[in-house]
Amino acid sequence: MNIGDKFGRLTVLQLLPPDKNVHTRAKVKCICGVIKIVQRTNLLSGNTRACGCLQRESASAMGKLSRTHGHTSGGSKTTLYITWIGMIQRCTNPKATGFSTYGGRGIKVCKRWLTSFQNFLQDIGKRPANHTLDRINNNGHYAPNNVRWATAKQQCQNRRVYLNG
């Protein structure tokens, strides 16, 4: 590990001697501006990737979503609302199932949908029976021009192909 190395949102500013528990440490700066001391092993293992701002942002966004974009209009229990929350989680929450194949590879949700269930509903419309949310371009983001309601057959025809090799 060297000064200037990046680990998630953190950049190493200074390597510090071990603390009283013999943990080697590093002084790091987060992209949000916070400077903190962390254990080097946590940086190297990937257990620490931000100062805590990522969790706060995710929790704040999810709190805002549940308070203002679905619950108040009675949409919180609908399949469409659950689909919307799942889309956001896959793209923003590193602990979510599927994050590695969505947010982990750079797939994002457009700002219009990220902050408003009503905008998502307005743009995509109600879900037809036996259809699921599908990105037309699998490498593209969740956005009005790249999303459709698709049948299982359409979904199978529109998947990434993995080659062994």
C-alpha atoms as a PDB file:
ATOM      1  CA  MET A   1       0.000   0.000   0.000  1.00  0.00           C
ATOM      2  CA  ASN A   2       1.288   3.436  -0.962  1.00  0.00           C
ATOM      3  CA  ILE A   3       0.298   7.058  -0.484  1.00  0.00           C
ATOM      4  CA  GLY A   4      -2.133   8.004  -3.252  1.00  0.00           C
ATOM      5  CA  ASP A   5      -3.603   4.506  -3.634  1.00  0.00           C
ATOM      6  CA  LYS A   6      -7.374   4.472  -4.018  1.00  0.00           C
ATOM      7  CA  PHE A   7      -9.749   2.057  -2.310  1.00  0.00           C
ATOM      8  CA  GLY A   8     -13.343   2.692  -3.332  1.00  0.00           C
ATOM      9  CA  ARG A   9     -14.050   6.314  -2.392  1.00  0.00           C
ATOM     10  CA  LEU A  10     -10.931   6.575  -0.225  1.00  0.00           C
ATOM     11  CA  THR A  11      -7.438   7.839  -1.108  1.00  0.00           C
ATOM     12  CA  VAL A  12      -4.470   7.047   1.139  1.00  0.00           C
ATOM     13  CA  LEU A  13      -2.901  10.246   2.504  1.00  0.00           C
ATOM     14  CA  GLN A  14      -0.462   8.817   5.044  1.00  0.00           C
ATOM     15  CA  LEU A  15       0.684   5.420   6.334  1.00  0.00           C
ATOM     16  CA  LEU A  16       0.638   5.322  10.141  1.00  0.00           C
ATOM     17  CA  PRO A  17       2.423   3.108  12.689  1.00  0.00           C
ATOM     18  CA  PRO A  18       0.455   0.364  14.441  1.00  0.00           C
ATOM     19  CA  ASP A  19      -2.005   1.339  17.164  1.00  0.00           C
ATOM     20  CA  LYS A  20      -2.043  -0.188  20.686  1.00  0.00           C
ATOM     21  CA  ASN A  21      -3.785  -3.295  19.276  1.00  0.00           C
ATOM     22  CA  VAL A  22      -1.003  -3.703  16.675  1.00  0.00           C
ATOM     23  CA  HIS A  23      -3.259  -2.781  13.754  1.00  0.00           C
ATOM     24  CA  THR A  24      -1.432  -0.980  10.978  1.00  0.00           C
ATOM     25  CA  ARG A  25      -3.379   2.071   9.956  1.00  0.00           C
ATOM     26  CA  ALA A  26      -3.698   4.626   7.213  1.00  0.00           C
ATOM     27  CA  LYS A  27      -4.961   8.187   7.114  1.00  0.00           C
ATOM     28  CA  VAL A  28      -7.396   8.430   4.190  1.00  0.00           C
ATOM     29  CA  LYS A  29      -9.531  11.070   2.524  1.00  0.00           C
ATOM     30  CA  CYS A  30     -12.966  10.237   1.155  1.00  0.00           C
ATOM     31  CA  ILE A  31     -14.307  11.837  -2.024  1.00  0.00           C
ATOM     32  CA  CYS A  32     -16.877  13.599   0.171  1.00  0.00           C
ATOM     33  CA  GLY A  33     -14.003  15.384   1.965  1.00  0.00           C
ATOM     34  CA  VAL A  34     -13.931  13.466   5.260  1.00  0.00           C
ATOM     35  CA  ILE A  35     -10.511  12.460   6.554  1.00  0.00           C
ATOM     36  CA  LYS A  36     -10.264   9.478   8.877  1.00  0.00           C
ATOM     37  CA  ILE A  37      -7.935   6.779  10.172  1.00  0.00           C
ATOM     38  CA  VAL A  38      -8.680   3.195   9.114  1.00  0.00           C
ATOM     39  CA  GLN A  39      -7.003  -0.180   9.448  1.00  0.00           C
ATOM     40  CA  ARG A  40      -4.944  -1.040   6.386  1.00  0.00           C
ATOM     41  CA  THR A  41      -6.241  -4.611   6.376  1.00  0.00           C
ATOM     42  CA  ASN A  42      -9.793  -3.303   5.993  1.00  0.00           C
ATOM     43  CA  LEU A  43      -8.752  -1.251   2.971  1.00  0.00           C
ATOM     44  CA  LEU A  44      -6.892  -4.139   1.360  1.00  0.00           C
ATOM     45  CA  SER A  45      -9.737  -6.614   1.947  1.00  0.00           C
ATOM     46  CA  GLY A  46     -12.352  -4.209   0.581  1.00  0.00           C
ATOM     47  CA  ASN A  47     -14.230  -4.087   3.901  1.00  0.00           C
ATOM     48  CA  THR A  48     -13.729  -0.318   4.063  1.00  0.00           C
ATOM     49  CA  ARG A  49     -14.430   1.600   0.838  1.00  0.00           C
ATOM     50  CA  ALA A  50     -15.819   4.896   2.138  1.00  0.00           C
ATOM     51  CA  CYS A  51     -15.967   7.000   5.282  1.00  0.00           C
ATOM     52  CA  GLY A  52     -19.572   6.060   5.965  1.00  0.00           C
ATOM     53  CA  CYS A  53     -21.038   8.502   3.452  1.00  0.00           C
ATOM     54  CA  LEU A  54     -22.091   5.691   1.092  1.00  0.00           C
ATOM     55  CA  GLN A  55     -24.241   4.094   3.794  1.00  0.00           C
ATOM     56  CA  ARG A  56     -25.652   7.467   4.842  1.00  0.00           C
ATOM     57  CA  GLU A  57     -26.500   8.354   1.233  1.00  0.00           C
ATOM     58  CA  SER A  58     -28.155   4.986   0.644  1.00  0.00           C
ATOM     59  CA  ALA A  59     -30.107   5.133   3.911  1.00  0.00           C
ATOM     60  CA  SER A  60     -31.099   8.734   3.276  1.00  0.00           C
ATOM     61  CA  ALA A  61     -32.223   7.978  -0.253  1.00  0.00           C
ATOM     62  CA  MET A  62     -34.193   4.918   0.836  1.00  0.00           C
ATOM     63  CA  GLY A  63     -35.773   6.891   3.690  1.00  0.00           C
ATOM     64  CA  LYS A  64     -36.788   9.666   1.320  1.00  0.00           C
ATOM     65  CA  LEU A  65     -38.106   7.141  -1.152  1.00  0.00           C
ATOM     66  CA  SER A  66     -40.247   5.341   1.351  1.00  0.00           C
ATOM     67  CA  ARG A  67     -41.561   8.561   2.920  1.00  0.00           C
ATOM     68  CA  THR A  68     -42.330  10.487  -0.223  1.00  0.00           C
ATOM     69  CA  HIS A  69     -42.472   8.284  -3.285  1.00  0.00           C
ATOM     70  CA  GLY A  70     -44.866   5.436  -2.879  1.00  0.00           C
ATOM     71  CA  HIS A  71     -45.989   5.035   0.693  1.00  0.00           C
ATOM     72  CA  THR A  72     -48.004   8.223   0.749  1.00  0.00           C
ATOM     73  CA  SER A  73     -49.753   7.319  -2.491  1.00  0.00           C
ATOM     74  CA  GLY A  74     -50.421   3.743  -1.411  1.00  0.00           C
ATOM     75  CA  GLY A  75     -47.879   2.320  -3.846  1.00  0.00           C
ATOM     76  CA  SER A  76     -45.527   0.712  -1.333  1.00  0.00           C
ATOM     77  CA  LYS A  77     -47.005  -2.784  -1.549  1.00  0.00           C
ATOM     78  CA  THR A  78     -47.511  -2.932  -5.305  1.00  0.00           C
ATOM     79  CA  THR A  79     -45.390  -5.118  -7.556  1.00  0.00           C
ATOM     80  CA  LEU A  80     -44.403  -2.020  -9.499  1.00  0.00           C
ATOM     81  CA  TYR A  81     -43.112  -0.265  -6.380  1.00  0.00           C
ATOM     82  CA  ILE A  82     -41.184  -3.380  -5.347  1.00  0.00           C
ATOM     83  CA  THR A  83     -39.710  -3.553  -8.875  1.00  0.00           C
ATOM     84  CA  TRP A  84     -38.628   0.091  -8.594  1.00  0.00           C
ATOM     85  CA  ILE A  85     -36.981  -0.441  -5.184  1.00  0.00           C
ATOM     86  CA  GLY A  86     -35.235  -3.586  -6.494  1.00  0.00           C
ATOM     87  CA  MET A  87     -33.868  -1.679  -9.492  1.00  0.00           C
ATOM     88  CA  ILE A  88     -32.446   1.017  -7.203  1.00  0.00           C
ATOM     89  CA  GLN A  89     -30.976  -1.490  -4.761  1.00  0.00           C
ATOM     90  CA  ARG A  90     -29.260  -3.538  -7.520  1.00  0.00           C
ATOM     91  CA  CYS A  91     -27.587  -0.379  -8.798  1.00  0.00           C
ATOM     92  CA  THR A  92     -26.729   1.474  -5.564  1.00  0.00           C
ATOM     93  CA  ASN A  93     -26.372  -0.959  -2.673  1.00  0.00           C
ATOM     94  CA  PRO A  94     -23.152  -3.028  -2.662  1.00  0.00           C
ATOM     95  CA  LYS A  95     -24.809  -5.477  -0.251  1.00  0.00           C
ATOM     96  CA  ALA A  96     -27.814  -6.095  -2.514  1.00  0.00           C
ATOM     97  CA  THR A  97     -28.209  -9.364  -4.368  1.00  0.00           C
ATOM     98  CA  GLY A  98     -27.152  -8.789  -7.946  1.00  0.00           C
ATOM     99  CA  PHE A  99     -25.155  -5.624  -7.262  1.00  0.00           C
ATOM    100  CA  SER A 100     -22.045  -7.079  -8.930  1.00  0.00           C
ATOM    101  CA  THR A 101     -23.876  -7.498 -12.249  1.00  0.00           C
ATOM    102  CA  TYR A 102     -25.591  -4.098 -12.089  1.00  0.00           C
ATOM    103  CA  GLY A 103     -24.136  -1.279  -9.969  1.00  0.00           C
ATOM    104  CA  GLY A 104     -20.861  -3.146  -9.629  1.00  0.00           C
ATOM    105  CA  ARG A 105     -20.313  -2.973 -13.379  1.00  0.00           C
ATOM    106  CA  GLY A 106     -21.448   0.624 -13.703  1.00  0.00           C
ATOM    107  CA  ILE A 107     -25.182   0.314 -14.406  1.00  0.00           C
ATOM    108  CA  LYS A 108     -27.013   3.327 -12.948  1.00  0.00           C
ATOM    109  CA  VAL A 109     -30.570   4.548 -12.504  1.00  0.00           C
ATOM    110  CA  CYS A 110     -31.355   7.911 -14.112  1.00  0.00           C
ATOM    111  CA  LYS A 111     -31.762  10.758 -11.599  1.00  0.00           C
ATOM    112  CA  ARG A 112     -35.411  11.241 -12.548  1.00  0.00           C
ATOM    113  CA  TRP A 113     -36.233   7.702 -11.392  1.00  0.00           C
ATOM    114  CA  LEU A 114     -33.744   7.468  -8.560  1.00  0.00           C
ATOM    115  CA  THR A 115     -35.599  10.078  -6.537  1.00  0.00           C
ATOM    116  CA  SER A 116     -39.200   9.590  -7.625  1.00  0.00           C
ATOM    117  CA  PHE A 117     -41.419   6.541  -7.873  1.00  0.00           C
ATOM    118  CA  GLN A 118     -44.041   8.757  -9.510  1.00  0.00           C
ATOM    119  CA  ASN A 119     -41.610   9.713 -12.310  1.00  0.00           C
ATOM    120  CA  PHE A 120     -40.755   6.048 -12.844  1.00  0.00           C
ATOM    121  CA  LEU A 121     -44.460   5.177 -13.035  1.00  0.00           C
ATOM    122  CA  GLN A 122     -45.151   8.083 -15.393  1.00  0.00           C
ATOM    123  CA  ASP A 123     -42.320   7.097 -17.761  1.00  0.00           C
ATOM    124  CA  ILE A 124     -42.655   3.308 -17.779  1.00  0.00           C
ATOM    125  CA  GLY A 125     -46.376   2.870 -17.170  1.00  0.00           C
ATOM    126  CA  LYS A 126     -48.112   0.118 -15.267  1.00  0.00           C
ATOM    127  CA  ARG A 127     -46.672  -3.355 -15.529  1.00  0.00           C
ATOM    128  CA  PRO A 128     -48.571  -5.631 -17.927  1.00  0.00           C
ATOM    129  CA  ALA A 129     -49.362  -9.138 -16.655  1.00  0.00           C
ATOM    130  CA  ASN A 130     -46.514 -11.623 -17.134  1.00  0.00           C
ATOM    131  CA  HIS A 131     -43.944  -8.914 -17.895  1.00  0.00           C
ATOM    132  CA  THR A 132     -40.826  -7.797 -16.044  1.00  0.00           C
ATOM    133  CA  LEU A 133     -38.553  -4.784 -16.282  1.00  0.00           C
ATOM    134  CA  ASP A 134     -35.931  -5.167 -19.005  1.00  0.00           C
ATOM    135  CA  ARG A 135     -33.069  -2.978 -20.180  1.00  0.00           C
ATOM    136  CA  ILE A 136     -33.027  -2.970 -23.982  1.00  0.00           C
ATOM    137  CA  ASN A 137     -29.240  -2.461 -24.029  1.00  0.00           C
ATOM    138  CA  ASN A 138     -27.808  -4.656 -21.256  1.00  0.00           C
ATOM    139  CA  ASN A 139     -24.812  -2.364 -20.921  1.00  0.00           C
ATOM    140  CA  GLY A 140     -27.003   0.737 -20.691  1.00  0.00           C
ATOM    141  CA  HIS A 141     -28.498   2.421 -17.663  1.00  0.00           C
ATOM    142  CA  TYR A 142     -32.023   2.271 -16.311  1.00  0.00           C
ATOM    143  CA  ALA A 143     -33.510   5.229 -18.168  1.00  0.00           C
ATOM    144  CA  PRO A 144     -36.717   5.932 -20.127  1.00  0.00           C
ATOM    145  CA  ASN A 145     -35.118   5.288 -23.527  1.00  0.00           C
ATOM    146  CA  ASN A 146     -33.525   1.980 -22.438  1.00  0.00           C
ATOM    147  CA  VAL A 147     -36.252   0.232 -20.447  1.00  0.00           C
ATOM    148  CA  ARG A 148     -39.362  -1.737 -21.399  1.00  0.00           C
ATOM    149  CA  TRP A 149     -41.777  -4.255 -19.982  1.00  0.00           C
ATOM    150  CA  ALA A 150     -40.769  -7.620 -21.460  1.00  0.00           C
ATOM    151  CA  THR A 151     -42.051 -11.185 -21.456  1.00  0.00           C
ATOM    152  CA  ALA A 152     -39.877 -14.043 -20.188  1.00  0.00           C
ATOM    153  CA  LYS A 153     -39.131 -14.973 -23.815  1.00  0.00           C
ATOM    154  CA  GLN A 154     -37.982 -11.422 -24.615  1.00  0.00           C
ATOM    155  CA  GLN A 155     -35.848 -11.391 -21.467  1.00  0.00           C
ATOM    156  CA  CYS A 156     -34.118 -14.634 -22.506  1.00  0.00           C
ATOM    157  CA  GLN A 157     -33.371 -13.224 -25.948  1.00  0.00           C
ATOM    158  CA  ASN A 158     -31.907 -10.076 -24.402  1.00  0.00           C
ATOM    159  CA  ARG A 159     -29.315 -11.388 -21.978  1.00  0.00           C
ATOM    160  CA  ARG A 160     -25.578 -11.094 -21.803  1.00  0.00           C
ATOM    161  CA  VAL A 161     -23.634 -14.044 -23.167  1.00  0.00           C
ATOM    162  CA  TYR A 162     -20.797 -15.321 -21.029  1.00  0.00           C
ATOM    163  CA  LEU A 163     -17.928 -16.972 -22.867  1.00  0.00           C
ATOM    164  CA  ASN A 164     -15.528 -19.335 -21.166  1.00  0.00           C
ATOM    165  CA  GLY A 165     -12.109 -18.652 -22.028  1.00  0.00           C
END
